[in-house]
Structure formats: structure tokens, C-alpha cells
Protein backbone atom coordinates (compact mmCIF):
# COMPACT_ATOMS: atom_id res chain seq x y z
CA MET A 1 -0.07 -0.08 -0.31
CA LEU A 2 1.10 3.45 -0.95
CA SER A 3 1.89 5.84 1.45
CA ARG A 4 -0.13 9.01 1.86
CA ARG A 5 3.14 11.06 0.83
CA THR A 6 4.02 8.77 -2.21
CA ALA A 7 0.58 8.76 -3.38
CA THR A 8 0.26 12.57 -3.34
CA ALA A 9 3.60 12.68 -5.19
CA LEU A 10 2.26 10.56 -7.83
CA THR A 11 -0.74 12.33 -8.04
CA SER A 12 1.05 15.58 -8.67
CA ALA A 13 3.05 13.80 -11.24
CA ALA A 14 -0.10 12.57 -13.14
CA ALA A 15 -1.52 15.80 -13.00
CA ALA A 16 1.43 17.31 -14.68
CA ALA A 17 1.98 15.04 -17.27
CA LEU A 18 -1.59 15.57 -18.32
CA LEU A 19 -1.45 18.87 -18.69
CA LEU A 20 1.75 18.50 -20.88
CA GLY A 21 -0.28 15.86 -22.96
CA GLY A 22 1.96 12.97 -21.67
CA THR A 23 1.34 9.81 -19.91
CA ALA A 24 1.46 9.72 -16.32
CA PRO A 25 4.88 7.61 -14.89
CA THR A 26 4.28 4.25 -13.10
CA ALA A 27 5.56 4.03 -9.93
CA SER A 28 8.72 1.91 -11.18
CA ALA A 29 9.30 4.56 -13.57
CA ALA A 30 9.49 7.46 -11.33
CA SER A 31 11.64 5.64 -9.00
CA ALA A 32 14.11 4.21 -11.77
CA SER A 33 17.25 6.47 -12.00
CA PRO A 34 18.87 7.00 -15.40
CA THR A 35 22.09 4.67 -16.60
CA THR A 36 25.06 7.39 -17.07
CA LEU A 37 28.61 6.88 -18.40
CA SER A 38 31.50 9.09 -17.84
CA VAL A 39 34.38 8.63 -20.26
CA LEU A 40 37.80 10.10 -20.38
CA ALA A 41 40.10 10.01 -23.24
CA PHE A 42 43.75 10.78 -22.98
CA ASN A 43 46.92 10.78 -25.16
CA VAL A 44 49.39 9.87 -22.59
CA ASP A 45 52.62 10.39 -25.03
CA LEU A 46 54.27 7.51 -23.38
CA GLY A 47 56.62 6.22 -26.03
CA THR A 48 58.69 3.39 -26.45
CA ALA A 49 63.00 3.28 -26.41
CA ILE A 50 62.88 2.12 -29.92
CA VAL A 51 61.86 5.23 -31.11
CA ASP A 52 63.67 7.51 -28.62
CA SER A 53 66.27 6.13 -26.23
CA THR A 54 65.24 8.32 -23.45
CA GLN A 55 61.77 7.74 -23.67
CA ASN A 56 61.93 4.57 -20.49
CA GLU A 57 63.57 7.07 -18.23
CA GLN A 58 60.82 9.95 -19.09
CA ALA A 59 58.08 7.47 -19.16
CA ALA A 60 58.91 6.32 -15.43
CA ARG A 61 58.67 9.97 -14.20
CA ARG A 62 55.65 10.88 -16.17
CA THR A 63 53.71 7.47 -15.67
CA PRO A 64 52.84 8.15 -11.95
CA VAL A 65 51.46 11.83 -12.72
CA ILE A 66 49.28 10.24 -15.38
CA GLU A 67 48.09 7.63 -12.85
CA GLN A 68 47.35 10.27 -10.51
CA LEU A 69 45.33 12.24 -12.91
CA ILE A 70 43.37 9.25 -14.14
CA ARG A 71 42.12 8.44 -10.48
CA GLN A 72 41.64 11.87 -9.59
CA HIS A 73 38.99 12.30 -12.83
CA ASN A 74 37.33 8.91 -11.53
CA ALA A 75 35.71 8.45 -14.90
CA ASP A 76 33.67 4.90 -15.59
CA VAL A 77 35.64 4.25 -18.80
CA VAL A 78 39.10 5.52 -19.86
CA ILE A 79 40.79 5.41 -23.40
CA LEU A 80 44.24 6.17 -23.47
CA ASP A 81 46.32 6.81 -26.76
CA GLU A 82 50.16 6.62 -27.24
CA GLN A 83 50.28 3.85 -24.48
CA PHE A 84 53.47 2.60 -26.67
CA ASN A 85 55.76 2.05 -23.32
CA ASN A 86 55.26 -1.56 -22.04
CA SER A 87 56.55 -0.94 -18.57
CA SER A 88 54.18 2.02 -18.35
CA THR A 89 51.28 -0.02 -19.40
CA ALA A 90 51.91 -2.78 -16.86
CA ASP A 91 52.59 -0.05 -14.27
CA ILE A 92 49.15 1.71 -15.03
CA ASN A 93 47.35 -1.45 -15.19
CA THR A 94 48.76 -2.62 -11.68
CA LYS A 95 48.22 0.78 -9.81
CA LEU A 96 44.69 1.49 -11.02
CA ALA A 97 43.62 -2.24 -10.74
CA ASP A 98 41.49 -1.45 -8.08
CA LEU A 99 39.68 1.42 -9.47
CA TYR A 100 39.71 -0.08 -13.02
CA PRO A 101 39.69 -4.21 -12.53
CA TYR A 102 38.46 -4.41 -16.32
CA ARG A 103 40.98 -3.54 -19.03
CA THR A 104 41.72 -4.18 -22.83
CA PRO A 105 45.37 -5.46 -24.18
CA VAL A 106 47.04 -2.75 -26.19
CA VAL A 107 45.42 -2.38 -29.99
CA GLY A 108 48.14 -4.15 -32.12
CA GLN A 109 50.72 -5.58 -29.69
CA THR A 110 49.25 -8.93 -30.89
CA CYS A 111 47.53 -9.70 -34.08
CA SER A 112 45.63 -12.72 -32.77
CA GLY A 113 44.18 -13.92 -29.72
CA GLY A 114 45.92 -11.95 -26.86
CA GLY A 115 42.63 -11.64 -25.01
CA TRP A 116 40.87 -10.13 -27.46
CA THR A 117 37.42 -11.56 -28.98
CA GLY A 118 38.43 -10.60 -32.26
CA VAL A 119 41.14 -8.66 -34.08
CA SER A 120 41.02 -7.40 -37.42
CA GLY A 121 42.51 -5.33 -40.08
CA ASN A 122 46.10 -4.82 -41.30
CA CYS A 123 48.11 -6.01 -38.27
CA SER A 124 51.54 -6.88 -38.78
CA ASN A 125 53.89 -8.72 -36.93
CA SER A 126 57.23 -7.22 -37.97
CA TRP A 127 59.84 -6.39 -35.76
CA PHE A 128 59.85 -2.87 -37.24
CA VAL A 129 56.15 -2.13 -36.49
CA ILE A 130 55.40 -1.05 -32.71
CA ASN A 131 52.08 -1.79 -31.35
CA GLY A 132 48.86 0.97 -32.26
CA GLY A 133 48.94 2.62 -28.35
CA THR A 134 45.37 2.55 -27.62
CA MET A 135 43.72 0.69 -24.78
CA ILE A 136 40.63 1.09 -22.62
CA LEU A 137 40.35 0.80 -18.90
CA SER A 138 36.58 0.09 -17.12
CA LYS A 139 35.15 0.16 -13.61
CA TYR A 140 32.41 -1.77 -15.15
CA PRO A 141 32.56 -5.43 -16.79
CA ILE A 142 33.94 -5.20 -20.24
CA THR A 143 31.64 -8.34 -21.84
CA ALA A 144 33.36 -8.33 -25.20
CA GLN A 145 36.38 -6.58 -26.54
CA TYR A 146 37.64 -6.19 -30.27
CA ALA A 147 40.77 -4.63 -32.05
CA HIS A 148 41.28 -3.50 -35.37
CA VAL A 149 44.15 -1.79 -36.99
CA PHE A 150 43.75 0.18 -39.85
CA SER A 151 44.56 -0.43 -43.59
CA ASN A 152 44.50 3.35 -44.20
CA SER A 153 47.76 4.68 -43.07
CA THR A 154 50.20 7.30 -44.59
CA TYR A 155 53.55 6.05 -45.88
CA GLY A 156 56.60 7.58 -45.11
CA THR A 157 54.73 8.52 -41.64
CA TRP A 158 56.04 7.49 -38.31
CA ASP A 159 52.31 6.17 -38.01
CA TYR A 160 53.11 3.62 -41.07
CA HIS A 161 55.26 1.73 -38.50
CA ALA A 162 52.73 1.29 -35.85
CA ASN A 163 49.83 -1.00 -35.65
CA LYS A 164 47.33 2.06 -34.88
CA GLY A 165 43.60 1.33 -34.88
CA ALA A 166 40.44 1.34 -32.52
CA ALA A 167 39.45 -1.03 -29.68
CA LEU A 168 35.76 -1.70 -29.08
CA VAL A 169 34.42 -2.75 -26.06
CA ARG A 170 30.72 -3.67 -24.62
CA VAL A 171 30.46 -2.40 -20.90
CA ASN A 172 27.60 -3.14 -18.70
CA LYS A 173 27.02 -0.79 -16.11
CA ASN A 174 24.23 -1.44 -13.62
CA GLY A 175 22.23 -3.45 -16.16
CA GLY A 176 22.57 -0.66 -18.92
CA THR A 177 24.87 -1.51 -22.11
CA ALA A 178 27.02 0.81 -24.29
CA TRP A 179 29.76 -0.03 -26.74
CA VAL A 180 32.71 2.37 -26.67
CA VAL A 181 35.29 2.77 -29.13
CA GLY A 182 38.70 4.11 -28.37
CA THR A 183 40.97 5.16 -31.37
CA HIS A 184 44.05 7.18 -32.43
CA LEU A 185 43.93 8.30 -36.08
CA GLN A 186 46.88 9.31 -38.36
CA ALA A 187 48.96 12.26 -37.23
CA ASP A 188 50.06 15.22 -39.50
CA GLU A 189 54.14 15.14 -40.18
CA SER A 190 56.55 17.70 -41.35
CA GLY A 191 57.20 16.96 -45.14
CA THR A 192 53.99 15.37 -45.82
CA SER A 193 51.03 17.13 -47.11
CA THR A 194 48.21 17.90 -44.35
CA ASP A 195 45.60 16.80 -47.21
CA THR A 196 47.34 13.76 -47.55
CA THR A 197 47.05 12.61 -43.67
CA GLN A 198 43.35 13.97 -43.48
CA SER A 199 42.52 11.88 -46.08
CA THR A 200 43.89 8.96 -44.34
CA ARG A 201 42.32 10.07 -41.23
CA LEU A 202 38.95 10.20 -43.08
CA GLY A 203 39.64 6.78 -44.52
CA GLN A 204 40.14 5.34 -40.84
CA LEU A 205 37.35 6.99 -39.54
CA ALA A 206 35.16 4.86 -42.62
CA GLU A 207 37.17 1.72 -41.59
CA ILE A 208 35.80 2.47 -37.84
CA ARG A 209 32.33 2.97 -39.00
CA ALA A 210 31.97 -0.19 -41.12
CA TRP A 211 33.78 -2.42 -38.33
CA VAL A 212 31.67 -1.35 -35.48
CA ASP A 213 28.49 -1.83 -37.48
CA GLY A 214 29.27 -5.24 -38.28
CA ILE A 215 30.10 -6.16 -34.71
CA ALA A 216 27.72 -3.77 -32.64
CA GLY A 217 24.96 -3.41 -34.79
CA SER A 218 21.80 -1.72 -33.60
CA GLY A 219 21.38 -2.87 -30.03
CA ALA A 220 22.86 -0.53 -27.73
CA PRO A 221 24.67 3.07 -28.13
CA VAL A 222 27.90 3.44 -29.44
CA LEU A 223 30.33 6.05 -27.92
CA ILE A 224 33.44 7.02 -29.05
CA GLY A 225 36.70 9.19 -28.19
CA GLY A 226 40.43 9.74 -28.95
CA ASP A 227 43.03 11.65 -30.67
CA LEU A 228 41.87 12.11 -33.82
CA ASN A 229 44.42 14.45 -35.15
CA VAL A 230 41.51 16.60 -36.69
CA GLU A 231 42.23 20.12 -36.53
CA TYR A 232 39.05 22.15 -35.21
CA PHE A 233 40.43 25.51 -35.45
CA HIS A 234 43.19 25.30 -37.93
CA GLY A 235 41.65 22.87 -40.28
CA GLN A 236 38.12 24.80 -40.68
CA GLY A 237 39.33 26.02 -44.32
CA ARG A 238 39.53 22.53 -45.35
CA GLY A 239 36.31 21.38 -43.58
CA ASP A 240 38.19 18.74 -41.36
CA TYR A 241 35.74 18.70 -38.47
CA THR A 242 32.46 18.51 -40.81
CA ASN A 243 34.29 15.65 -43.13
CA ALA A 244 35.32 13.75 -39.86
CA GLN A 245 31.92 13.57 -38.63
CA ASN A 246 30.52 12.69 -41.75
CA ALA A 247 33.07 9.69 -42.32
CA VAL A 248 32.15 8.10 -39.16
CA ASN A 249 28.47 8.85 -39.28
CA GLY A 250 28.57 10.53 -35.77
CA VAL A 251 28.54 13.22 -33.44
CA LEU A 252 32.03 14.53 -32.29
CA GLY A 253 31.87 16.56 -29.28
CA THR A 254 35.10 19.03 -29.12
CA PRO A 255 35.87 21.84 -26.06
CA ALA A 256 35.65 24.05 -28.58
CA THR A 257 31.90 24.19 -28.91
CA ASP A 258 31.64 25.08 -25.29
CA PRO A 259 32.27 28.57 -24.41
CA SER A 260 33.28 28.05 -20.82
CA GLN A 261 36.27 26.17 -22.02
CA THR A 262 39.32 28.42 -22.09
CA ARG A 263 42.08 25.55 -22.88
CA THR A 264 42.41 23.43 -25.87
CA THR A 265 43.31 19.92 -25.84
CA MET A 266 46.43 20.29 -27.10
CA ASP A 267 48.01 23.70 -25.32
CA CYS A 268 51.43 24.57 -25.88
CA PRO A 269 51.61 27.92 -24.55
CA VAL A 270 50.29 26.46 -21.10
CA SER A 271 51.86 23.13 -21.11
CA SER A 272 55.67 22.49 -20.73
CA TRP A 273 55.55 19.28 -22.15
CA CYS A 274 53.93 20.20 -24.99
CA GLN A 275 56.40 22.82 -25.55
CA TYR A 276 59.35 20.15 -25.12
CA MET A 277 57.78 17.96 -27.42
CA ALA A 278 57.40 21.28 -29.99
CA GLY A 279 61.04 21.03 -30.03
CA VAL A 280 61.39 17.47 -30.62
CA GLU A 281 58.69 16.97 -33.43
CA THR A 282 59.42 20.68 -35.02
CA PHE A 283 55.87 21.95 -34.37
CA PRO A 284 55.31 25.46 -32.88
CA ALA A 285 55.82 26.04 -29.70
CA ASP A 286 52.76 28.26 -29.39
CA TYR A 287 50.54 25.53 -31.10
CA ARG A 288 46.91 25.50 -29.48
CA ASP A 289 43.97 23.26 -31.03
CA ASP A 290 41.52 20.78 -30.36
CA LEU A 291 42.50 17.23 -31.53
CA ASP A 292 40.98 15.32 -29.03
CA TYR A 293 37.12 14.27 -29.21
CA ILE A 294 34.13 12.34 -27.66
CA GLY A 295 31.12 11.66 -29.34
CA TYR A 296 28.75 8.62 -30.43
CA LEU A 297 28.20 6.88 -33.72
CA ASN A 298 24.83 6.70 -35.37
CA ALA A 299 23.56 3.83 -37.38
CA PRO A 300 19.79 3.10 -38.55
CA GLY A 301 17.85 1.43 -35.53
CA ARG A 302 20.59 1.81 -33.31
CA PRO A 303 19.75 3.97 -30.03
CA VAL A 304 21.35 6.97 -29.25
CA PRO A 305 22.29 8.41 -25.57
CA THR A 306 19.43 10.29 -24.30
CA ALA A 307 21.84 13.22 -23.33
CA MET A 308 25.33 14.05 -23.71
CA SER A 309 27.45 16.57 -21.48
CA ASN A 310 29.67 19.20 -23.07
CA VAL A 311 33.19 17.73 -23.71
CA LYS A 312 35.27 19.51 -21.61
CA VAL A 313 39.35 19.59 -20.97
CA ASP A 314 40.39 18.13 -17.78
CA PHE A 315 43.30 20.75 -17.05
CA ASP A 316 45.25 19.57 -14.13
CA PRO A 317 48.12 22.08 -13.33
CA GLN A 318 50.44 21.86 -10.37
CA ALA A 319 49.69 23.51 -7.05
CA GLY A 320 49.93 27.31 -7.40
CA TRP A 321 49.59 27.40 -10.81
CA ALA A 322 48.05 30.83 -12.33
CA PRO A 323 47.01 31.92 -15.85
CA GLY A 324 50.33 33.01 -17.92
CA GLN A 325 52.48 30.65 -16.17
CA LEU A 326 53.62 27.47 -17.57
CA ASP A 327 52.16 24.12 -16.42
CA THR A 328 55.36 22.15 -15.27
CA ASN A 329 53.39 19.37 -14.19
CA ALA A 330 51.81 18.45 -17.44
CA PRO A 331 52.64 14.62 -18.16
CA SER A 332 51.73 14.65 -21.97
CA ASP A 333 51.46 17.16 -24.69
CA HIS A 334 47.80 16.58 -24.50
CA TYR A 335 45.56 17.04 -22.08
CA PRO A 336 42.55 14.69 -21.39
CA VAL A 337 38.84 15.49 -22.36
CA GLU A 338 35.77 14.01 -20.76
CA ALA A 339 31.99 13.77 -21.44
CA THR A 340 29.30 11.96 -19.59
CA PHE A 341 26.34 10.29 -21.50
CA GLN A 342 22.98 9.11 -20.33
CA LEU A 343 22.23 6.01 -21.77
CA ASN A 344 18.45 5.51 -21.14
């Protein structure tokens, strides 16, 4: 039997629904809370000594800071890119296991088996090809996990020598299900036309779309996040952002569309590590743009999130930092981005 207070509340809700032309909620519907899923995407820039002999030492210094930031943000699902360093991968898995007991291997570390439900694409076992650097951590059970290595890659760039691709996981949170794609697309590189690398990125997004449609189908929402290397600001004249959304048939959220966001995902005037990498990779030390995105993919009959928050830059400077100063605590040349989805 309902208490008088509950009955009154339901009567008020029913009256309001009728006034709005809707249907009065049932007791179970009124008490049910929506399922949300928060997603953090972070290019951690943890290299391998195969590429740079100093990387193991640098990674050992920066990995604890990365772990601290991930723990601090406490997202449900974490997508990591440029996780090329095997020692850092093992450390992150161990140190964050209490918060994220479920995780994928690194894409492209192995071309078959290796804990994946399935591996597809142009994966190479060559000694001269490193892994793809992308992995996913989750607080909630991962009930399926797939890897895809891109067939599209720009010859003559560093990316051509990595098994870059995407991870796709099915996550079950409190009875709600969502698929999550984590990826890292082709990077620009000096000496190579940006039109060429952007064409490769569009091809990679088309690969993701076809691959995901073949696995996830239309049963649950498909979320996506990662370093897409799509320049939101510098690429406007080329239509990079619009073309990327069309290629993947999705919504790609970026901090650039939120007026409250003052930082970009790659913000060299603020990040000391970004300035260091500018010297190593010969891009401008004052480079600023949004390259990292979180969103969702469309498909006929597939549900989409009922709500999605703005994508924000999770800017975590050292204590005492003030605008105009350099963030010497930055562990990567990218800042992480985060968004929360309502699944039902």
C-alpha cells in the first residue's frame, strides 16, 4: 500500500503529465534512475625506447602523474592513446587495478588472440612495427572486446610503422549496456601534405564505421573517444571537422563548442611538455588546437544517448599555477577530455 506522501507525489506527477499532454509515470518508472556513463580520453604520450632512447626514463617519471590524473577524474571508462611503453602499461594496469579492474590489451600488441574477442585489419607482426598504443580501462565489466588495425595509413610517416587502430568494448553498467570505441588516427607530419594525412584520417574513420556496424549492430549506443588528430580550428578552411563527422556518421564532441572552455586539448603555451615535444617534433611552440574528441556513432535503428554533456578539457596544473604561467606538471602534450552520457 502506498503511503499518503507517495500517493500525493504520484498524483501531482500524473496531473503535470496530463497538463503537458503526456502519460503519467508508473511507480517503477518514477523511481528508476537513468544510467550514465562517463568517458575520459587521454593521449598520454608514453613512447618506446625503440623510437627514442630516452623514452623509458621519461615515461617512468611521467607515468605516476598520469595515474594520479586518471584516478582524480574517476571516470567510468578511460581511453588511453600513445600507450607505447610496455613498462608504463604494466604499471598503469597494476596501480589502477583497484579502480579499473577491467581493461583491454593494447591495440596491435598482438595480431591474434591475446585476450581479444576478435582482431581484424592490417595488423603486422614485423619487428619494425610497434603496437598501436590504444587501450581501454573500465570500472564496469567488459563483456566483449575487439581490436582493429587500420588498413589506411600514410606511407613515409611514423604512423606507418605502428599498428594504430581502434579498440571496441561492450560495457555493462548496472544493467545498462553501451559500446565504447577508443582510437588514435593518423597524425600530421612535417614533409607530408596535410591534405594527404587528413584523407587517411577520413579513410580510418570510414573503417571504424564499417567495423563497428558489423559488430555492434543496433542493440546499444556506441560511444567514441580519442585523439583524432582532426584540427578543429586550423582545419576549418579544409572542412576537417565536418568531413570527419560525416565519415564516421556520428557526433564528435569538442571543447571548442563550449564557450566556458578556455583551454584546448593541445595547448603548448600552457603545457611545458607540449613545448618540449614541439622542439622534438618541430611543430610551433605556441600551437593550440582541439585534436581530441568524445561523441557517439549513428546507425539505422541504433539507440543514441538520451543526453550528452559538453566535452570539457580536464586541465590539471600543479598547485599554485596561475594563468600566464607554464604548467610544468603536464605529463603529456595533450590534456585529457571528458564527457558524460545518459544511456536511457
